[in-house]
Amino acid sequence: MKVSGNFKIEILAVGSELLSPDYADTNSLFLTRRLNELGLQVAYKTVVGDDADDLLACFRTAVKRADMIFITGGLGPTRDDLTRETLAAALGRKLVFLEPLWKKIQDRFARRGIKIAEVNRKQAYLIEGAEALENPNGTAPGVWLEAEGRIFALLPGPPRELEPMVTTQILPRLAKKRKGYQVRKVLKITGLAESDTETLISDLYSEKEDFQMTVLSAPGQIEIHCTALSSLSATNAEESLHAPVSALLARLGEYVFSTSGEELEEVVGRMLAQNGKTLAVAESCTGGLLGDRITDVPGSSAYFLEGIQAYSNEAKIRRLDVPPNLLDNFGAVSAEVAACMADNIRSGAGADYGLAITGIAGPSGGSREKPVGLVYVALAGPEGTQAEKSLFLGDRRTIKKRSSQKALDMLRLRLEGKSRRPAAGRG
């Protein structure tokens, strides 16, 4: 989908922490989503650290190529908060101290019974010609500035401060620049590799400028994002999605587990609750990940009874009554042991369904006969017990995630009364 008109938007996320492996820039995702609702597209995103020279270079670049520039972060009182000062320098403007703004900041501290530090005084300086944006959730005011034919919106970094400011003060100002109405529908699928998905849907891509389809991949899951843009209304945009989404659903069938944003554990949990069924799980190589995903859903106590992490052979014998001769004859990583684990956790817990996982998550422990990534998942229920073999690729965490995804999907299909087509189980 092309950027609407010639109105180009750039988001500059400021903060050295955003360049480390510990923090993600979630503000730009929120901003992009809200701008898209106005039919406005983001043309550029930049992350820059707290260095004055780097900031100055990024600001000057943004002024050359964008019509509206959002700058998040760097509005605090500390020495490394340089956004106001550096943007003022980039624009050749002065910083002006506003006594009423300083009074508001002082009053906020006083209401909380906290003595204000002198360093907070820098937050009362505003770029010449700019307007302060109220921040009821923090001390750093936002800034709205129209200069050199550009619009600048400076926003505080903490999401709890930024998001209300965008909703109540930024979006109303941008309403007049609305380019249309954008609606997005996300299809989540599992059981197919990305290449298989592409093969199935390759002829469904469209060249229309008002429709876009994007395929995104994650461990054990593929997402197809369908986006429509209408100049008339959100209803019109949504209606234009019906035909392409229906075509995708017809093509992908049972591989689609959600069209409303739900994760697989939420879908399975809802189905269990609606049918009044219960579940217990026995895990080996996933080490509790399956149970964690299930219980991460609010209300899961209505259907989830218990989980056992039986990592060692001794634990499988002691906690799940797996016969020692079964382990000797087939090994812990086998369809026979997985099925026994599923049967016994089901009967022991008194659950309607039992799920079990056993495998080799790696990076060591594999062999020629049983390589790293070999996983058996078993499902026991009133309809009988099935065990399925998978060979997953990836690192240890990825294999664990894909194993838990496989288990949840087996239960989903059982509850829906569906079966897999041959292409499944490879991803």
Protein backbone atom coordinates (compact mmCIF):
# COMPACT_ATOMS: atom_id res chain seq x y z
CA MET A 1 0.00 0.00 0.00
CA LYS A 2 1.53 3.26 -1.07
CA VAL A 3 2.03 6.19 1.28
CA SER A 4 -1.08 8.34 0.90
CA GLY A 5 -0.49 11.48 -1.14
CA ASN A 6 2.72 13.40 -0.55
CA PHE A 7 2.29 13.74 3.20
CA LYS A 8 5.23 11.78 4.57
CA ILE A 9 5.54 10.92 8.26
CA GLU A 10 8.67 9.97 10.16
CA ILE A 11 8.96 8.60 13.69
CA LEU A 12 12.18 9.23 15.58
CA ALA A 13 12.55 7.15 18.75
CA VAL A 14 15.16 8.68 21.04
CA GLY A 15 16.97 6.73 23.73
CA SER A 16 20.22 4.78 23.97
CA GLU A 17 18.34 2.01 25.78
CA LEU A 18 16.39 1.36 22.57
CA LEU A 19 19.65 0.40 20.88
CA SER A 20 20.35 -2.25 23.51
CA PRO A 21 18.93 -5.81 23.52
CA ASP A 22 16.88 -5.04 26.63
CA TYR A 23 14.29 -2.52 25.41
CA ALA A 24 12.02 -2.47 22.37
CA ASP A 25 10.53 0.60 20.72
CA THR A 26 6.84 -0.11 21.25
CA ASN A 27 5.81 3.55 20.96
CA SER A 28 6.32 3.58 17.19
CA LEU A 29 4.02 0.57 16.85
CA PHE A 30 1.28 2.36 18.78
CA LEU A 31 1.76 5.55 16.79
CA THR A 32 1.71 3.72 13.47
CA ARG A 33 -1.48 1.88 14.36
CA ARG A 34 -3.28 5.07 15.36
CA LEU A 35 -2.05 6.96 12.30
CA ASN A 36 -3.16 4.13 10.04
CA GLU A 37 -6.67 4.55 11.42
CA LEU A 38 -6.63 7.98 9.75
CA GLY A 39 -5.38 6.48 6.52
CA LEU A 40 -1.95 8.01 7.17
CA GLN A 41 1.12 5.89 6.48
CA VAL A 42 4.52 6.13 8.15
CA ALA A 43 7.30 6.50 5.59
CA TYR A 44 10.34 6.30 7.90
CA LYS A 45 11.26 5.08 11.37
CA THR A 46 14.57 5.85 13.05
CA VAL A 47 16.01 4.89 16.43
CA VAL A 48 18.80 7.09 17.75
CA GLY A 49 20.74 7.20 21.00
CA ASP A 50 21.20 10.04 23.48
CA ASP A 51 24.05 11.73 21.65
CA ALA A 52 23.68 15.38 20.63
CA ASP A 53 25.57 15.05 17.34
CA ASP A 54 23.64 11.94 16.30
CA LEU A 55 20.34 13.54 17.26
CA LEU A 56 21.16 16.67 15.30
CA ALA A 57 22.02 14.63 12.19
CA CYS A 58 18.79 12.63 12.44
CA PHE A 59 16.65 15.73 12.96
CA ARG A 60 18.18 17.46 9.96
CA THR A 61 17.62 14.38 7.80
CA ALA A 62 14.01 14.10 8.93
CA VAL A 63 13.34 17.76 8.09
CA LYS A 64 14.54 17.16 4.53
CA ARG A 65 12.31 14.17 3.81
CA ALA A 66 9.21 14.24 6.04
CA ASP A 67 6.22 16.54 6.43
CA MET A 68 5.42 15.46 9.97
CA ILE A 69 7.99 14.26 12.47
CA PHE A 70 7.13 12.47 15.70
CA ILE A 71 9.95 12.42 18.24
CA THR A 72 9.48 10.16 21.25
CA GLY A 73 11.62 10.29 24.37
CA GLY A 74 14.36 12.60 25.59
CA LEU A 75 12.03 15.10 27.28
CA GLY A 76 12.99 14.28 30.86
CA PRO A 77 15.01 16.36 33.34
CA THR A 78 18.34 14.52 33.18
CA ARG A 79 21.53 15.50 31.36
CA ASP A 80 21.02 12.92 28.61
CA ASP A 81 17.51 14.19 27.77
CA LEU A 82 18.44 16.32 24.78
CA THR A 83 15.45 16.30 22.44
CA ARG A 84 14.22 19.88 23.01
CA GLU A 85 17.65 21.47 22.93
CA THR A 86 18.83 19.60 19.87
CA LEU A 87 15.68 20.15 17.81
CA ALA A 88 15.82 23.86 18.66
CA ALA A 89 19.41 23.92 17.40
CA ALA A 90 18.44 22.05 14.22
CA LEU A 91 15.73 24.62 13.51
CA GLY A 92 17.80 27.63 14.57
CA ARG A 93 15.31 28.53 17.30
CA LYS A 94 15.70 29.59 20.92
CA LEU A 95 14.42 27.80 24.00
CA VAL A 96 12.04 29.98 26.00
CA PHE A 97 11.38 29.55 29.72
CA LEU A 98 7.65 29.56 30.53
CA GLU A 99 6.82 30.45 34.12
CA PRO A 100 3.22 29.08 33.91
CA LEU A 101 4.57 25.75 32.68
CA TRP A 102 7.10 25.64 35.53
CA LYS A 103 4.28 26.35 37.98
CA LYS A 104 2.28 23.38 36.63
CA ILE A 105 5.27 21.09 37.07
CA GLN A 106 5.82 22.35 40.62
CA ASP A 107 2.14 21.86 41.45
CA ARG A 108 2.29 18.24 40.24
CA PHE A 109 5.15 17.48 42.63
CA ALA A 110 3.42 19.32 45.47
CA ARG A 111 0.22 17.27 45.05
CA ARG A 112 2.28 14.12 45.47
CA GLY A 113 4.07 15.51 48.53
CA ILE A 114 7.46 15.36 46.79
CA LYS A 115 10.05 18.11 46.85
CA ILE A 116 10.87 19.17 43.30
CA ALA A 117 14.48 19.10 42.13
CA GLU A 118 16.00 22.04 40.33
CA VAL A 119 16.84 19.80 37.35
CA ASN A 120 13.13 19.60 36.56
CA ARG A 121 13.28 23.27 35.65
CA LYS A 122 14.58 22.36 32.17
CA GLN A 123 11.19 20.79 31.39
CA ALA A 124 9.62 24.26 31.55
CA TYR A 125 11.61 25.41 28.51
CA LEU A 126 9.80 25.35 25.19
CA ILE A 127 11.07 25.80 21.65
CA GLU A 128 10.28 29.29 20.38
CA GLY A 129 6.88 29.27 18.64
CA ALA A 130 5.85 25.87 20.00
CA GLU A 131 2.80 24.89 22.03
CA ALA A 132 3.01 22.75 25.17
CA LEU A 133 0.87 19.61 25.29
CA GLU A 134 -0.65 18.72 28.65
CA ASN A 135 0.74 15.60 30.33
CA PRO A 136 -1.53 14.58 33.21
CA ASN A 137 0.43 11.35 33.64
CA GLY A 138 3.94 12.76 34.01
CA THR A 139 6.09 15.86 34.41
CA ALA A 140 7.34 16.17 30.82
CA PRO A 141 4.96 18.22 28.66
CA GLY A 142 4.67 17.30 25.03
CA VAL A 143 5.44 19.81 22.28
CA TRP A 144 3.54 20.73 19.11
CA LEU A 145 5.45 22.90 16.68
CA GLU A 146 4.70 23.97 13.13
CA ALA A 147 7.82 25.35 11.49
CA GLU A 148 9.49 25.43 8.06
CA GLY A 149 6.42 23.84 6.51
CA ARG A 150 6.74 20.86 8.85
CA ILE A 151 4.84 19.61 11.86
CA PHE A 152 6.82 18.40 14.88
CA ALA A 153 5.27 16.46 17.74
CA LEU A 154 7.55 15.79 20.69
CA LEU A 155 6.20 13.11 23.00
CA PRO A 156 7.35 11.64 26.32
CA GLY A 157 8.91 8.18 26.18
CA PRO A 158 6.89 6.24 28.81
CA PRO A 159 3.91 4.62 27.02
CA ARG A 160 1.53 5.45 29.88
CA GLU A 161 2.26 9.13 29.17
CA LEU A 162 2.59 8.99 25.40
CA GLU A 163 -0.51 6.99 24.53
CA PRO A 164 -3.10 9.23 26.27
CA MET A 165 -1.38 12.30 24.83
CA VAL A 166 -1.60 10.92 21.31
CA THR A 167 -5.25 9.91 21.72
CA THR A 168 -6.52 13.12 23.28
CA GLN A 169 -4.26 15.81 21.80
CA ILE A 170 -2.49 14.60 18.66
CA LEU A 171 -5.12 12.65 16.76
CA PRO A 172 -7.78 15.41 16.95
CA ARG A 173 -5.26 17.83 15.41
CA LEU A 174 -4.55 15.37 12.60
CA ALA A 175 -8.19 14.64 11.79
CA LYS A 176 -8.18 17.29 9.06
CA LYS A 177 -5.29 15.46 7.38
CA ARG A 178 -7.17 12.19 7.21
CA LYS A 179 -6.43 10.40 3.92
CA GLY A 180 -9.06 7.75 4.37
CA TYR A 181 -10.08 4.85 6.57
CA GLN A 182 -7.84 1.85 7.06
CA VAL A 183 -9.00 -1.53 8.34
CA ARG A 184 -6.78 -4.53 9.04
CA LYS A 185 -7.68 -8.19 9.37
CA VAL A 186 -5.11 -10.70 10.63
CA LEU A 187 -5.37 -14.40 9.83
CA LYS A 188 -3.29 -16.60 12.13
CA ILE A 189 -2.38 -20.05 10.89
CA THR A 190 -0.34 -22.96 12.18
CA GLY A 191 0.81 -26.30 10.82
CA LEU A 192 2.22 -24.85 7.60
CA ALA A 193 5.72 -23.69 6.75
CA GLU A 194 6.05 -20.18 5.34
CA SER A 195 6.99 -21.57 1.91
CA ASP A 196 3.90 -23.83 1.86
CA THR A 197 1.73 -20.86 2.81
CA GLU A 198 3.20 -18.76 0.02
CA THR A 199 2.59 -21.54 -2.50
CA LEU A 200 -1.05 -21.84 -1.46
CA ILE A 201 -1.87 -18.14 -1.64
CA SER A 202 0.60 -16.70 -4.19
CA ASP A 203 -2.12 -15.98 -6.75
CA LEU A 204 -4.21 -14.06 -4.23
CA TYR A 205 -1.88 -11.07 -3.97
CA SER A 206 -3.37 -7.88 -5.42
CA GLU A 207 -1.88 -4.99 -7.33
CA LYS A 208 -4.55 -2.60 -6.09
CA GLU A 209 -3.17 0.41 -4.24
CA ASP A 210 -5.97 0.28 -1.67
CA PHE A 211 -5.26 -3.30 -0.60
CA GLN A 212 -2.16 -4.90 0.86
CA MET A 213 -1.43 -8.46 1.97
CA THR A 214 1.67 -9.25 4.03
CA VAL A 215 2.86 -12.64 5.31
CA LEU A 216 4.78 -12.67 8.61
CA SER A 217 6.42 -15.70 10.20
CA ALA A 218 7.00 -16.69 13.84
CA PRO A 219 7.91 -20.04 15.44
CA GLY A 220 5.03 -22.42 14.75
CA GLN A 221 2.82 -19.68 13.38
CA ILE A 222 2.21 -17.62 10.26
CA GLU A 223 0.27 -14.36 10.18
CA ILE A 224 -1.34 -12.93 7.06
CA HIS A 225 -2.09 -9.23 7.46
CA CYS A 226 -4.75 -7.94 5.08
CA THR A 227 -5.14 -4.17 4.98
CA ALA A 228 -7.72 -2.14 3.07
CA LEU A 229 -7.89 1.63 2.65
CA SER A 230 -11.07 3.48 1.71
CA SER A 231 -11.60 7.18 1.10
CA LEU A 232 -15.28 6.80 2.05
CA SER A 233 -15.62 5.08 5.41
CA ALA A 234 -14.29 2.36 7.72
CA THR A 235 -17.34 0.28 6.79
CA ASN A 236 -16.44 0.54 3.12
CA ALA A 237 -12.84 -0.50 3.86
CA GLU A 238 -14.06 -3.46 5.91
CA GLU A 239 -16.43 -4.55 3.15
CA SER A 240 -13.59 -4.50 0.63
CA LEU A 241 -11.75 -7.04 2.80
CA HIS A 242 -14.55 -9.61 2.63
CA ALA A 243 -13.66 -11.06 -0.77
CA PRO A 244 -9.88 -11.45 -0.29
CA VAL A 245 -10.25 -12.76 3.27
CA SER A 246 -12.90 -15.25 2.17
CA ALA A 247 -10.57 -16.44 -0.59
CA LEU A 248 -7.75 -16.93 1.92
CA LEU A 249 -9.99 -18.84 4.32
CA ALA A 250 -11.20 -21.12 1.54
CA ARG A 251 -7.62 -21.78 0.45
CA LEU A 252 -6.10 -22.29 3.91
CA GLY A 253 -9.03 -24.06 5.58
CA GLU A 254 -8.21 -25.83 8.84
CA TYR A 255 -4.79 -24.20 9.10
CA VAL A 256 -6.45 -20.91 10.16
CA PHE A 257 -7.04 -20.81 13.89
CA SER A 258 -7.92 -17.14 14.36
CA THR A 259 -9.23 -14.17 12.40
CA SER A 260 -9.78 -11.93 15.43
CA GLY A 261 -6.30 -11.57 16.91
CA GLU A 262 -6.52 -14.45 19.39
CA GLU A 263 -3.48 -16.58 20.21
CA LEU A 264 -3.83 -20.35 19.91
CA GLU A 265 -4.04 -20.87 23.68
CA GLU A 266 -6.93 -18.39 23.81
CA VAL A 267 -8.78 -20.18 21.00
CA VAL A 268 -8.35 -23.58 22.65
CA GLY A 269 -9.30 -22.21 26.05
CA ARG A 270 -12.48 -20.65 24.69
CA MET A 271 -13.47 -23.89 22.99
CA LEU A 272 -12.85 -25.94 26.14
CA ALA A 273 -14.88 -23.50 28.23
CA GLN A 274 -17.75 -23.38 25.74
CA ASN A 275 -17.92 -27.17 25.60
CA GLY A 276 -17.52 -27.65 29.35
CA LYS A 277 -14.39 -29.78 28.86
CA THR A 278 -11.28 -30.05 31.01
CA LEU A 279 -7.59 -30.51 30.26
CA ALA A 280 -4.41 -31.77 31.95
CA VAL A 281 -0.90 -31.81 30.47
CA ALA A 282 2.29 -33.82 30.88
CA GLU A 283 5.48 -32.21 29.62
CA SER A 284 9.03 -33.34 29.16
CA CYS A 285 11.12 -31.30 26.69
CA THR A 286 8.90 -28.18 26.94
CA GLY A 287 9.51 -27.95 30.68
CA GLY A 288 6.19 -26.33 31.57
CA LEU A 289 5.84 -24.00 28.57
CA LEU A 290 2.57 -25.62 27.48
CA GLY A 291 1.04 -25.21 30.92
CA ASP A 292 2.32 -21.65 31.13
CA ARG A 293 0.66 -20.72 27.84
CA ILE A 294 -2.63 -22.33 28.86
CA THR A 295 -2.72 -20.65 32.27
CA ASP A 296 -1.70 -17.29 30.84
CA VAL A 297 -5.30 -16.98 29.60
CA PRO A 298 -7.63 -15.35 32.16
CA GLY A 299 -10.30 -17.80 33.33
CA SER A 300 -8.22 -20.90 32.51
CA SER A 301 -9.01 -22.35 35.94
CA ALA A 302 -12.43 -23.24 34.51
CA TYR A 303 -10.92 -25.90 32.25
CA PHE A 304 -7.27 -26.52 33.17
CA LEU A 305 -6.88 -29.07 35.98
CA GLU A 306 -3.17 -29.74 36.33
CA GLY A 307 0.21 -30.11 34.67
CA ILE A 308 3.18 -32.32 35.39
CA GLN A 309 6.75 -31.67 34.25
CA ALA A 310 8.25 -35.13 34.03
CA TYR A 311 11.67 -34.34 32.61
CA SER A 312 13.63 -37.44 33.62
CA ASN A 313 12.77 -41.07 32.96
CA GLU A 314 12.45 -41.58 36.72
CA ALA A 315 9.88 -38.80 36.90
CA LYS A 316 7.92 -40.30 34.03
CA ILE A 317 7.81 -43.61 35.90
CA ARG A 318 7.05 -42.10 39.32
CA ARG A 319 4.65 -39.30 38.41
CA LEU A 320 3.00 -40.61 35.24
CA ASP A 321 3.17 -44.38 35.73
CA VAL A 322 5.04 -44.91 32.48
CA PRO A 323 6.13 -48.60 32.53
CA PRO A 324 9.94 -48.99 32.67
CA ASN A 325 9.83 -51.60 29.88
CA LEU A 326 8.13 -49.04 27.60
CA LEU A 327 11.04 -46.66 28.13
CA ASP A 328 13.55 -49.48 27.63
CA ASN A 329 11.95 -50.74 24.43
CA PHE A 330 11.09 -47.44 22.70
CA GLY A 331 12.97 -44.70 24.53
CA ALA A 332 11.59 -41.60 26.25
CA VAL A 333 11.26 -39.83 22.91
CA SER A 334 8.76 -42.06 21.17
CA ALA A 335 5.12 -42.20 20.13
CA GLU A 336 4.49 -45.00 22.62
CA VAL A 337 5.78 -43.06 25.62
CA ALA A 338 4.01 -39.85 24.53
CA ALA A 339 0.71 -41.73 24.22
CA CYS A 340 1.18 -43.34 27.64
CA MET A 341 1.92 -39.94 29.20
CA ALA A 342 -1.22 -38.45 27.65
CA ASP A 343 -3.42 -41.35 28.73
CA ASN A 344 -2.12 -41.35 32.29
CA ILE A 345 -2.26 -37.60 32.90
CA ARG A 346 -5.82 -37.65 31.60
CA SER A 347 -6.95 -40.51 33.83
CA GLY A 348 -4.92 -39.36 36.84
CA ALA A 349 -6.37 -35.85 36.71
CA GLY A 350 -9.87 -36.95 35.78
CA ALA A 351 -9.76 -34.65 32.75
CA ASP A 352 -11.62 -34.90 29.47
CA TYR A 353 -8.38 -34.43 27.55
CA GLY A 354 -4.73 -35.12 28.21
CA LEU A 355 -1.86 -33.58 26.22
CA ALA A 356 1.72 -34.85 26.40
CA ILE A 357 5.00 -33.73 24.86
CA THR A 358 8.34 -35.54 24.77
CA GLY A 359 11.28 -34.70 22.55
CA ILE A 360 14.83 -33.44 22.11
CA ALA A 361 15.06 -29.65 22.30
CA GLY A 362 18.84 -29.56 21.91
CA PRO A 363 21.35 -28.29 21.23
CA SER A 364 22.82 -31.59 22.46
CA GLY A 365 21.26 -34.97 23.16
CA GLY A 366 20.41 -35.93 19.60
CA SER A 367 21.55 -38.94 17.59
CA ARG A 368 21.30 -40.19 14.03
CA GLU A 369 18.13 -42.13 14.87
CA LYS A 370 16.70 -39.40 17.08
CA PRO A 371 18.04 -35.98 16.03
CA VAL A 372 17.62 -32.67 17.81
CA GLY A 373 14.17 -31.33 17.06
CA LEU A 374 12.46 -34.74 17.12
CA VAL A 375 9.25 -34.32 19.14
CA TYR A 376 6.27 -36.55 19.79
CA VAL A 377 3.00 -34.96 20.86
CA ALA A 378 0.09 -37.08 22.05
CA LEU A 379 -3.55 -36.24 22.70
CA ALA A 380 -5.84 -38.49 24.74
CA GLY A 381 -9.59 -37.97 24.91
CA PRO A 382 -12.97 -39.67 24.72
CA GLU A 383 -12.41 -40.25 20.99
CA GLY A 384 -9.16 -42.13 21.59
CA THR A 385 -5.43 -41.40 21.75
CA GLN A 386 -3.25 -40.16 18.92
CA ALA A 387 0.49 -39.49 18.86
CA GLU A 388 2.17 -37.47 16.13
CA LYS A 389 5.82 -37.14 15.20
CA SER A 390 7.40 -33.83 14.21
CA LEU A 391 10.93 -32.75 13.37
CA PHE A 392 11.27 -29.10 14.23
CA LEU A 393 14.10 -26.81 13.20
CA GLY A 394 15.54 -23.99 15.26
CA ASP A 395 17.23 -23.36 18.57
CA ARG A 396 16.13 -24.79 21.90
CA ARG A 397 13.57 -22.07 22.63
CA THR A 398 12.10 -22.28 19.14
CA ILE A 399 11.71 -26.04 19.31
CA LYS A 400 9.95 -25.75 22.66
CA LYS A 401 7.59 -23.08 21.30
CA ARG A 402 6.79 -25.11 18.20
CA SER A 403 6.17 -28.21 20.30
CA SER A 404 3.68 -26.41 22.53
CA GLN A 405 2.02 -24.94 19.43
CA LYS A 406 1.68 -28.40 17.91
CA ALA A 407 0.06 -29.72 21.08
CA LEU A 408 -2.48 -26.90 21.28
CA ASP A 409 -3.31 -27.25 17.60
CA MET A 410 -3.92 -30.99 17.91
CA LEU A 411 -6.45 -30.25 20.63
CA ARG A 412 -8.03 -27.45 18.58
CA LEU A 413 -8.55 -29.74 15.63
CA ARG A 414 -9.98 -32.47 17.85
CA LEU A 415 -12.45 -30.03 19.40
CA GLU A 416 -13.43 -28.76 15.95
CA GLY A 417 -13.76 -32.29 14.57
CA LYS A 418 -11.23 -31.55 11.84
CA SER A 419 -8.19 -33.37 10.51
CA ARG A 420 -4.96 -32.24 8.91
CA ARG A 421 -4.05 -32.25 5.26
CA PRO A 422 -0.70 -33.85 4.37
CA ALA A 423 1.30 -30.58 4.24
CA ALA A 424 0.97 -30.02 7.99
CA GLY A 425 3.50 -30.66 10.73
CA ARG A 426 6.61 -29.31 9.06
CA GLY A 427 6.96 -25.94 10.70
